[in-house]
Amino acid sequence: MAQLTHAEQIEQSYNLAMMALADYLTHERDAAATVERLIRILDRDALRDAITEVLVDSCVHPRPAADTPIA
């Protein structure tokens, strides 16, 4: 299985969380089960590492402001 990039890991977790919420809204799960599922999705070392790497990268390599001309 291929290794996911940090952005892909974050996107995958987002998609899983949205599916958990959709299951709750369609009454396939109760609130407690939904919260437990969301915690399992969000409480992953790989997700925390991916978010940290993205944040560190954005601080080390900031993007130019939208109104700044690129030379």
N, C-alpha and C. Protein backbone atom coordinates (compact mmCIF):
# COMPACT_ATOMS: atom_id res chain seq x y z
N MET A 1 0.84 -1.17 0.00
CA MET A 1 0.00 0.00 0.00
C MET A 1 0.89 1.23 0.00
N ALA A 2 0.53 2.21 -0.80
CA ALA A 2 1.33 3.43 -0.94
C ALA A 2 1.18 4.31 0.30
N GLN A 3 2.27 5.00 0.62
CA GLN A 3 2.27 5.93 1.75
C GLN A 3 1.53 7.20 1.35
N LEU A 4 0.60 7.65 2.17
CA LEU A 4 -0.14 8.88 1.88
C LEU A 4 0.70 10.09 2.23
N THR A 5 0.53 11.15 1.45
CA THR A 5 1.19 12.41 1.79
C THR A 5 0.47 13.01 3.00
N HIS A 6 1.08 14.04 3.59
CA HIS A 6 0.45 14.68 4.74
C HIS A 6 -0.92 15.23 4.37
N ALA A 7 -1.00 15.88 3.23
CA ALA A 7 -2.27 16.45 2.79
C ALA A 7 -3.31 15.35 2.57
N GLU A 8 -2.89 14.23 2.01
CA GLU A 8 -3.81 13.11 1.79
C GLU A 8 -4.29 12.51 3.11
N GLN A 9 -3.39 12.43 4.10
CA GLN A 9 -3.79 11.92 5.42
C GLN A 9 -4.83 12.83 6.07
N ILE A 10 -4.62 14.13 5.96
CA ILE A 10 -5.57 15.09 6.53
C ILE A 10 -6.90 14.99 5.80
N GLU A 11 -6.86 14.93 4.47
CA GLU A 11 -8.08 14.82 3.68
C GLU A 11 -8.83 13.53 3.98
N GLN A 12 -8.10 12.43 4.12
CA GLN A 12 -8.73 11.15 4.44
C GLN A 12 -9.43 11.22 5.80
N SER A 13 -8.80 11.81 6.78
CA SER A 13 -9.40 11.94 8.10
C SER A 13 -10.65 12.83 8.04
N TYR A 14 -10.58 13.89 7.27
CA TYR A 14 -11.74 14.76 7.09
C TYR A 14 -12.90 13.97 6.48
N ASN A 15 -12.60 13.20 5.44
CA ASN A 15 -13.64 12.40 4.78
C ASN A 15 -14.25 11.38 5.73
N LEU A 16 -13.42 10.72 6.53
CA LEU A 16 -13.92 9.75 7.51
C LEU A 16 -14.80 10.43 8.55
N ALA A 17 -14.41 11.62 8.98
CA ALA A 17 -15.22 12.36 9.96
C ALA A 17 -16.56 12.75 9.35
N MET A 18 -16.56 13.18 8.11
CA MET A 18 -17.82 13.54 7.45
C MET A 18 -18.74 12.33 7.30
N MET A 19 -18.15 11.17 7.02
CA MET A 19 -18.96 9.95 6.91
C MET A 19 -19.54 9.58 8.27
N ALA A 20 -18.77 9.77 9.34
CA ALA A 20 -19.28 9.48 10.69
C ALA A 20 -20.45 10.39 11.01
N LEU A 21 -20.33 11.67 10.66
CA LEU A 21 -21.43 12.59 10.91
C LEU A 21 -22.65 12.27 10.05
N ALA A 22 -22.42 11.84 8.83
CA ALA A 22 -23.53 11.47 7.95
C ALA A 22 -24.26 10.26 8.52
N ASP A 23 -23.52 9.29 9.05
CA ASP A 23 -24.15 8.13 9.67
C ASP A 23 -25.03 8.56 10.85
N TYR A 24 -24.54 9.52 11.63
CA TYR A 24 -25.33 10.02 12.76
C TYR A 24 -26.60 10.71 12.27
N LEU A 25 -26.45 11.54 11.23
CA LEU A 25 -27.60 12.29 10.73
C LEU A 25 -28.65 11.39 10.08
N THR A 26 -28.23 10.25 9.56
CA THR A 26 -29.18 9.31 8.95
C THR A 26 -29.66 8.29 9.97
N HIS A 27 -29.33 8.53 11.25
CA HIS A 27 -29.79 7.71 12.37
C HIS A 27 -29.25 6.28 12.36
N GLU A 28 -28.12 6.08 11.70
CA GLU A 28 -27.50 4.76 11.72
C GLU A 28 -26.64 4.57 12.97
N ARG A 29 -26.32 5.68 13.67
CA ARG A 29 -25.53 5.61 14.90
C ARG A 29 -26.10 6.60 15.90
N ASP A 30 -25.92 6.28 17.18
CA ASP A 30 -26.34 7.24 18.21
C ASP A 30 -25.22 8.24 18.47
N ALA A 31 -25.53 9.25 19.27
CA ALA A 31 -24.57 10.33 19.51
C ALA A 31 -23.29 9.83 20.17
N ALA A 32 -23.40 8.97 21.17
CA ALA A 32 -22.21 8.48 21.88
C ALA A 32 -21.30 7.69 20.94
N ALA A 33 -21.87 6.84 20.11
CA ALA A 33 -21.07 6.06 19.16
C ALA A 33 -20.41 6.97 18.13
N THR A 34 -21.12 8.01 17.73
CA THR A 34 -20.57 8.96 16.76
C THR A 34 -19.38 9.71 17.35
N VAL A 35 -19.52 10.16 18.60
CA VAL A 35 -18.42 10.87 19.26
C VAL A 35 -17.21 9.95 19.41
N GLU A 36 -17.44 8.72 19.81
CA GLU A 36 -16.33 7.76 19.94
C GLU A 36 -15.64 7.54 18.60
N ARG A 37 -16.43 7.42 17.55
CA ARG A 37 -15.86 7.23 16.21
C ARG A 37 -15.04 8.45 15.78
N LEU A 38 -15.56 9.65 16.04
CA LEU A 38 -14.82 10.87 15.69
C LEU A 38 -13.52 10.97 16.48
N ILE A 39 -13.55 10.60 17.75
CA ILE A 39 -12.33 10.63 18.56
C ILE A 39 -11.31 9.66 18.00
N ARG A 40 -11.73 8.46 17.61
CA ARG A 40 -10.80 7.49 17.02
C ARG A 40 -10.18 8.03 15.73
N ILE A 41 -10.98 8.72 14.93
CA ILE A 41 -10.47 9.29 13.68
C ILE A 41 -9.45 10.39 13.96
N LEU A 42 -9.79 11.26 14.90
CA LEU A 42 -8.95 12.43 15.16
C LEU A 42 -7.77 12.14 16.07
N ASP A 43 -7.83 11.06 16.82
CA ASP A 43 -6.78 10.75 17.79
C ASP A 43 -5.78 9.75 17.20
N ARG A 44 -5.29 10.04 16.03
CA ARG A 44 -4.30 9.18 15.37
C ARG A 44 -2.96 9.91 15.34
N ASP A 45 -1.92 9.17 15.66
CA ASP A 45 -0.58 9.77 15.62
C ASP A 45 -0.25 10.27 14.22
N ALA A 46 -0.62 9.50 13.21
CA ALA A 46 -0.30 9.89 11.83
C ALA A 46 -0.99 11.20 11.46
N LEU A 47 -2.22 11.40 11.92
CA LEU A 47 -2.92 12.65 11.62
C LEU A 47 -2.26 13.82 12.34
N ARG A 48 -1.92 13.64 13.61
CA ARG A 48 -1.24 14.71 14.35
C ARG A 48 0.09 15.05 13.70
N ASP A 49 0.83 14.02 13.30
CA ASP A 49 2.12 14.26 12.64
C ASP A 49 1.93 15.01 11.32
N ALA A 50 0.91 14.63 10.56
CA ALA A 50 0.65 15.29 9.28
C ALA A 50 0.29 16.75 9.47
N ILE A 51 -0.57 17.03 10.44
CA ILE A 51 -0.97 18.42 10.70
C ILE A 51 0.24 19.22 11.17
N THR A 52 1.04 18.64 12.05
CA THR A 52 2.24 19.32 12.54
C THR A 52 3.18 19.64 11.40
N GLU A 53 3.43 18.68 10.52
CA GLU A 53 4.33 18.90 9.39
C GLU A 53 3.82 19.99 8.47
N VAL A 54 2.52 20.01 8.21
CA VAL A 54 1.94 21.03 7.34
C VAL A 54 2.09 22.40 7.99
N LEU A 55 1.82 22.49 9.29
CA LEU A 55 1.95 23.78 9.99
C LEU A 55 3.40 24.25 10.03
N VAL A 56 4.32 23.35 10.32
CA VAL A 56 5.74 23.72 10.36
C VAL A 56 6.19 24.17 8.97
N ASP A 57 5.80 23.43 7.95
CA ASP A 57 6.18 23.78 6.58
C ASP A 57 5.64 25.15 6.20
N SER A 58 4.41 25.46 6.63
CA SER A 58 3.84 26.76 6.28
C SER A 58 4.55 27.90 7.01
N CYS A 59 5.12 27.61 8.18
CA CYS A 59 5.88 28.65 8.90
C CYS A 59 7.27 28.82 8.31
N VAL A 60 7.89 27.72 7.90
CA VAL A 60 9.24 27.76 7.35
C VAL A 60 9.23 28.28 5.92
N HIS A 61 8.21 27.92 5.17
CA HIS A 61 8.10 28.31 3.76
C HIS A 61 6.76 29.02 3.53
N PRO A 62 6.61 30.24 4.07
CA PRO A 62 5.32 30.94 3.91
C PRO A 62 5.06 31.26 2.44
N ARG A 63 3.82 31.22 2.09
CA ARG A 63 3.41 31.58 0.73
C ARG A 63 3.30 33.08 0.63
N PRO A 64 3.58 33.63 -0.55
CA PRO A 64 3.44 35.08 -0.72
C PRO A 64 1.96 35.48 -0.60
N ALA A 65 1.74 36.69 -0.13
CA ALA A 65 0.38 37.20 -0.03
C ALA A 65 -0.23 37.27 -1.43
N ALA A 66 -1.52 37.17 -1.51
CA ALA A 66 -2.20 37.15 -2.81
C ALA A 66 -1.98 38.44 -3.59
N ASP A 67 -1.80 39.56 -2.90
CA ASP A 67 -1.64 40.83 -3.61
C ASP A 67 -0.17 41.19 -3.86
N THR A 68 0.75 40.31 -3.49
CA THR A 68 2.16 40.54 -3.70
C THR A 68 2.57 40.00 -5.08
N PRO A 69 3.11 40.84 -5.95
CA PRO A 69 3.53 40.33 -7.27
C PRO A 69 4.70 39.35 -7.12
N ILE A 70 4.64 38.31 -7.90
CA ILE A 70 5.72 37.31 -7.89
C ILE A 70 6.78 37.74 -8.89
N ALA A 71 8.02 37.82 -8.42
CA ALA A 71 9.12 38.31 -9.27
C ALA A 71 9.62 37.25 -10.20
